Amino acid sequence: MRWYFFCVVTISVLLITRFEWPKLKAKPVKDKAVFVSLLLLVWILSMLDLPNTPGPTTVLLFIFKPFRGLTEP
């Protein structure tokens, strides 16, 4: 995991929350829920190594590779 990148994103999320939360106090609960959920989503995605994660094509090849002999002449 890229710890430096993760720490930068964590600090950014904390700073965004610190400066935006007073403005959100007057807003409805739905706005606060969306704000928190988007920040959590970004924070969780920063933990993943998305460029090196296998995609859906790799999963399909893994599932259907044993059936290759049945489909090819």
Protein backbone atom coordinates (compact mmCIF):
# COMPACT_ATOMS: atom_id res chain seq x y z
CA MET A 1 0.00 0.00 0.00
CA ARG A 2 1.19 3.49 -0.68
CA TRP A 3 1.26 4.79 2.87
CA TYR A 4 2.20 8.34 1.91
CA PHE A 5 -0.80 8.66 -0.41
CA PHE A 6 -3.10 7.12 2.21
CA CYS A 7 -1.87 9.56 4.88
CA VAL A 8 -2.35 12.53 2.56
CA VAL A 9 -5.91 11.44 1.74
CA THR A 10 -6.69 10.87 5.44
CA ILE A 11 -5.41 14.31 6.40
CA SER A 12 -7.35 15.86 3.50
CA VAL A 13 -10.57 14.13 4.57
CA LEU A 14 -10.08 15.33 8.14
CA LEU A 15 -9.42 18.91 7.02
CA ILE A 16 -12.42 18.92 4.69
CA THR A 17 -14.60 17.63 7.51
CA ARG A 18 -13.19 20.17 9.96
CA PHE A 19 -13.87 23.17 7.72
CA GLU A 20 -17.16 22.07 6.13
CA TRP A 21 -18.99 20.61 9.13
CA PRO A 22 -19.93 23.99 10.70
CA LYS A 23 -21.58 24.96 7.41
CA LEU A 24 -23.47 21.66 7.36
CA LYS A 25 -24.96 22.04 10.84
CA ALA A 26 -27.85 24.07 9.43
CA LYS A 27 -28.48 21.58 6.61
CA PRO A 28 -30.84 18.58 6.77
CA VAL A 29 -29.70 15.15 7.85
CA LYS A 30 -29.74 13.86 4.26
CA ASP A 31 -27.10 16.40 3.23
CA LYS A 32 -24.90 15.39 6.14
CA ALA A 33 -25.31 11.71 5.28
CA VAL A 34 -24.30 12.32 1.66
CA PHE A 35 -21.30 14.37 2.76
CA VAL A 36 -20.09 11.68 5.16
CA SER A 37 -20.75 8.82 2.75
CA LEU A 38 -18.83 10.48 -0.09
CA LEU A 39 -15.87 11.21 2.14
CA LEU A 40 -15.87 7.64 3.44
CA LEU A 41 -16.07 6.27 -0.10
CA VAL A 42 -13.05 8.33 -1.18
CA TRP A 43 -11.14 7.33 1.93
CA ILE A 44 -11.86 3.62 1.42
CA LEU A 45 -10.98 3.76 -2.29
CA SER A 46 -7.66 5.39 -1.41
CA MET A 47 -6.73 2.19 0.47
CA LEU A 48 -7.12 0.03 -2.65
CA ASP A 49 -4.52 -0.38 -5.35
CA LEU A 50 -6.99 0.14 -8.18
CA PRO A 51 -4.56 0.36 -11.14
CA ASN A 52 -3.21 -3.12 -10.34
CA THR A 53 -6.53 -4.73 -9.39
CA PRO A 54 -7.73 -7.39 -11.84
CA GLY A 55 -10.92 -6.46 -13.64
CA PRO A 56 -14.06 -8.37 -14.51
CA THR A 57 -12.46 -9.84 -17.63
CA THR A 58 -9.87 -11.63 -15.50
CA VAL A 59 -12.61 -13.09 -13.30
CA LEU A 60 -14.55 -14.34 -16.34
CA LEU A 61 -11.43 -15.93 -17.83
CA PHE A 62 -10.76 -17.67 -14.50
CA ILE A 63 -14.31 -19.06 -14.40
CA PHE A 64 -14.62 -20.19 -18.02
CA LYS A 65 -11.05 -21.36 -18.74
CA PRO A 66 -11.78 -24.97 -17.65
CA PHE A 67 -14.61 -25.14 -20.22
CA ARG A 68 -12.33 -24.14 -23.11
CA GLY A 69 -11.90 -27.78 -24.21
CA LEU A 70 -15.67 -28.24 -24.49
CA THR A 71 -16.23 -25.22 -26.72
CA GLU A 72 -13.25 -25.39 -29.09
CA PRO A 73 -13.18 -28.02 -31.88
